[in-house]
Protein backbone atom coordinates (compact mmCIF):
# COMPACT_ATOMS: atom_id res chain seq x y z
CA MET A 1 -18.62 31.16 27.40
CA ASN A 2 -16.77 29.20 24.74
CA THR A 3 -17.86 30.31 21.28
CA ALA A 4 -15.19 28.42 19.32
CA THR A 5 -16.45 26.57 16.29
CA HIS A 6 -15.69 22.90 15.79
CA SER A 7 -14.17 21.60 12.59
CA ILE A 8 -14.67 18.12 11.18
CA SER A 9 -11.30 17.07 12.58
CA ASP A 10 -12.16 18.43 16.05
CA PRO A 11 -14.85 16.19 17.60
CA ARG A 12 -16.92 17.57 20.41
CA GLU A 13 -16.58 15.93 23.81
CA GLY A 14 -18.38 12.60 23.97
CA GLU A 15 -19.19 12.70 20.27
CA THR A 16 -18.58 9.64 18.11
CA ILE A 17 -18.27 9.23 14.37
CA TRP A 18 -21.85 7.92 14.37
CA ASP A 19 -23.05 11.22 15.90
CA ARG A 20 -21.17 13.36 13.40
CA TYR A 21 -22.15 11.86 10.04
CA ILE A 22 -25.34 10.67 8.38
CA THR A 23 -23.63 8.89 5.48
CA MET A 24 -20.31 7.16 4.89
CA PRO A 25 -18.63 5.81 1.74
CA VAL A 26 -18.40 2.03 1.46
CA GLU A 27 -14.63 1.72 2.13
CA PRO A 28 -14.55 3.76 5.39
CA PHE A 29 -17.82 2.09 6.46
CA SER A 30 -16.18 -1.31 5.93
CA ARG A 31 -13.09 -0.33 7.93
CA THR A 32 -15.13 1.27 10.71
CA THR A 33 -17.61 -1.57 11.15
CA GLY A 34 -15.40 -4.52 10.25
CA ILE A 35 -17.99 -5.68 7.71
CA GLY A 36 -16.44 -6.75 4.41
CA ARG A 37 -17.33 -5.05 1.12
CA THR A 38 -19.02 -8.19 -0.23
CA LYS A 39 -21.28 -8.44 2.83
CA ILE A 40 -22.06 -4.71 2.62
CA TYR A 41 -23.24 -5.14 -0.97
CA GLU A 42 -25.28 -8.23 0.05
CA LEU A 43 -26.95 -6.17 2.81
CA LEU A 44 -27.65 -3.43 0.28
CA ALA A 45 -29.18 -5.96 -2.15
CA THR A 46 -31.51 -7.31 0.57
CA GLN A 47 -32.27 -3.73 1.66
CA ASP A 48 -31.02 -4.40 5.19
CA LEU A 49 -28.69 -1.45 4.54
CA GLU A 50 -29.65 1.63 2.55
CA SER A 51 -27.48 3.87 0.44
CA ILE A 52 -27.62 6.80 -1.90
CA VAL A 53 -25.52 7.45 -4.97
CA ILE A 54 -24.16 10.90 -5.71
CA GLY A 55 -22.29 10.93 -8.98
CA ARG A 56 -20.21 7.74 -8.89
CA ARG A 57 -20.01 7.64 -5.12
CA ARG A 58 -22.18 5.27 -3.04
CA LEU A 59 -22.86 6.48 0.50
CA ILE A 60 -24.24 4.19 3.21
CA LEU A 61 -27.02 5.75 5.30
CA LEU A 62 -25.88 5.28 8.88
CA ASP A 63 -29.44 5.27 10.22
CA SER A 64 -30.03 2.08 8.23
CA TYR A 65 -26.98 0.54 9.95
CA ARG A 66 -28.45 1.50 13.34
CA ARG A 67 -31.75 -0.15 12.34
CA LEU A 68 -29.89 -3.29 11.25
CA ILE A 69 -28.15 -3.48 14.62
CA GLU A 70 -31.45 -3.05 16.48
CA LYS A 71 -33.09 -5.70 14.29
CA GLN A 72 -30.24 -8.11 15.04
CA ARG A 73 -30.36 -7.34 18.77
CA SER A 74 -34.11 -7.96 18.99
CA ALA A 75 -33.83 -11.23 17.04
CA THR A 76 -30.95 -12.59 19.11
CA PRO A 77 -31.57 -14.00 22.59
CA THR A 78 -29.73 -12.12 25.31
CA ALA A 79 -28.24 -15.25 26.86
CA ARG A 80 -24.96 -16.20 25.27
CA PRO A 81 -24.29 -19.88 24.57
CA ALA A 82 -21.75 -21.58 26.77
CA ALA A 83 -18.27 -22.01 25.34
CA PRO A 84 -17.56 -25.54 24.11
CA ALA A 85 -15.64 -27.75 26.50
CA PRO A 86 -11.96 -28.11 25.61
CA GLN A 87 -11.10 -31.39 23.92
CA GLN A 88 -8.90 -33.79 25.85
CA GLN A 89 -5.63 -34.74 24.24
CA ARG A 90 -4.97 -38.42 23.62
CA ARG A 91 -1.99 -39.89 25.38
CA SER A 92 0.43 -41.80 23.25
CA SER A 93 1.72 -45.14 24.53
């Protein structure tokens, strides 16, 4: 039986960053999700994302990000629109 403890830098098998943390500072959240800082603050203002402030540090609640994703998924049709047809090039005379 393996009784070794796991450190923060040693993820458990199959575990993702979303399984390991409940909050994340704005900068790492932006890098991880690909959402820009301005959009993050817009989502916070509309309460689509939630955060807490500890001292001077704002931490995004990752559960609110999960809810935002689910809200987007349920509002978006599952069928993807067809890609636009490529434009034909004009021939010069």
